[in-house]
C-alpha atoms as a PDB file:
ATOM      1  CA  MET A   1      19.925 -11.366  51.181  1.00  0.00           C
ATOM      2  CA  HIS A   2      21.501 -14.019  52.931  1.00  0.00           C
ATOM      3  CA  LEU A   3      25.303 -14.446  52.931  1.00  0.00           C
ATOM      4  CA  ALA A   4      27.728 -17.259  53.957  1.00  0.00           C
ATOM      5  CA  TYR A   5      31.519 -16.202  54.071  1.00  0.00           C
ATOM      6  CA  ASP A   6      34.602 -17.591  55.349  1.00  0.00           C
ATOM      7  CA  GLY A   7      36.718 -16.375  58.347  1.00  0.00           C
ATOM      8  CA  ARG A   8      38.511 -13.903  55.744  1.00  0.00           C
ATOM      9  CA  GLY A   9      35.486 -12.509  54.753  1.00  0.00           C
ATOM     10  CA  ARG A  10      35.462 -13.887  51.253  1.00  0.00           C
ATOM     11  CA  PRO A  11      31.889 -14.963  49.991  1.00  0.00           C
ATOM     12  CA  LEU A  12      31.153 -18.646  49.865  1.00  0.00           C
ATOM     13  CA  ALA A  13      27.237 -18.437  48.767  1.00  0.00           C
ATOM     14  CA  LEU A  14      24.369 -16.057  48.542  1.00  0.00           C
ATOM     15  CA  LEU A  15      20.843 -16.666  48.650  1.00  0.00           C
ATOM     16  CA  VAL A  16      18.488 -13.845  47.708  1.00  0.00           C
ATOM     17  CA  THR A  17      14.859 -14.092  49.213  1.00  0.00           C
ATOM     18  CA  PRO A  18      11.747 -11.886  49.310  1.00  0.00           C
ATOM     19  CA  GLY A  19      11.564  -9.304  51.909  1.00  0.00           C
ATOM     20  CA  GLN A  20      10.664 -10.507  55.332  1.00  0.00           C
ATOM     21  CA  ARG A  21      11.999 -14.135  54.826  1.00  0.00           C
ATOM     22  CA  HIS A  22      13.006 -15.754  58.497  1.00  0.00           C
ATOM     23  CA  ASP A  23      16.674 -16.412  58.428  1.00  0.00           C
ATOM     24  CA  SER A  24      16.280 -19.923  60.019  1.00  0.00           C
ATOM     25  CA  ILE A  25      14.256 -20.957  56.904  1.00  0.00           C
ATOM     26  CA  CYS A  26      17.053 -20.001  54.782  1.00  0.00           C
ATOM     27  CA  ALA A  27      19.898 -21.416  56.869  1.00  0.00           C
ATOM     28  CA  GLN A  28      19.832 -25.083  55.518  1.00  0.00           C
ATOM     29  CA  THR A  29      19.515 -23.912  51.936  1.00  0.00           C
ATOM     30  CA  LEU A  30      22.638 -21.324  52.107  1.00  0.00           C
ATOM     31  CA  LEU A  31      24.641 -23.956  53.681  1.00  0.00           C
ATOM     32  CA  GLU A  32      23.894 -26.391  50.955  1.00  0.00           C
ATOM     33  CA  ARG A  33      25.009 -23.865  48.244  1.00  0.00           C
ATOM     34  CA  ILE A  34      28.846 -23.556  49.811  1.00  0.00           C
ATOM     35  CA  ARG A  35      31.238 -25.189  47.543  1.00  0.00           C
ATOM     36  CA  VAL A  36      34.982 -24.828  48.414  1.00  0.00           C
ATOM     37  CA  PRO A  37      37.173 -25.949  45.452  1.00  0.00           C
ATOM     38  CA  ARG A  38      40.143 -28.526  46.602  1.00  0.00           C
ATOM     39  CA  THR A  39      43.666 -27.584  45.626  1.00  0.00           C
ATOM     40  CA  GLY A  40      44.291 -31.070  44.405  1.00  0.00           C
ATOM     41  CA  PRO A  41      41.940 -33.982  42.892  1.00  0.00           C
ATOM     42  CA  GLY A  42      38.361 -34.475  44.497  1.00  0.00           C
ATOM     43  CA  ARG A  43      35.019 -33.108  44.945  1.00  0.00           C
ATOM     44  CA  PRO A  44      34.527 -29.458  46.455  1.00  0.00           C
ATOM     45  CA  ARG A  45      34.210 -29.455  50.130  1.00  0.00           C
ATOM     46  CA  CYS A  46      30.594 -28.719  50.911  1.00  0.00           C
ATOM     47  CA  ARG A  47      30.566 -29.076  54.876  1.00  0.00           C
ATOM     48  CA  PRO A  48      32.287 -26.261  56.811  1.00  0.00           C
ATOM     49  CA  ASP A  49      34.696 -27.215  59.724  1.00  0.00           C
ATOM     50  CA  ARG A  50      32.429 -24.875  62.078  1.00  0.00           C
ATOM     51  CA  VAL A  51      29.925 -22.303  61.563  1.00  0.00           C
ATOM     52  CA  ILE A  52      29.211 -19.289  63.546  1.00  0.00           C
ATOM     53  CA  ALA A  53      25.793 -17.553  62.998  1.00  0.00           C
ATOM     54  CA  ASP A  54      24.025 -14.386  64.112  1.00  0.00           C
ATOM     55  CA  LYS A  55      20.299 -14.721  64.911  1.00  0.00           C
ATOM     56  CA  ALA A  56      18.682 -11.092  64.951  1.00  0.00           C
ATOM     57  CA  TYR A  57      15.604 -12.687  66.669  1.00  0.00           C
ATOM     58  CA  SER A  58      14.382 -15.785  68.542  1.00  0.00           C
ATOM     59  CA  SER A  59      12.928 -18.686  66.532  1.00  0.00           C
ATOM     60  CA  ARG A  60      12.260 -22.486  67.177  1.00  0.00           C
ATOM     61  CA  GLY A  61      13.789 -23.394  63.863  1.00  0.00           C
END
């Protein structure tokens, strides 16, 4: 399971993949799933102001 969440720990996107799927392969897909509703008119936000990630092991990706 790959999870993107905001600074308050609220989930923004979830991606479930097979067992040994590398995080770097899933990162782009996970980020594309983020949709943050606006309080006023307009489309949902889909680009975060910043991204903090934890990589369990090294990879060229």
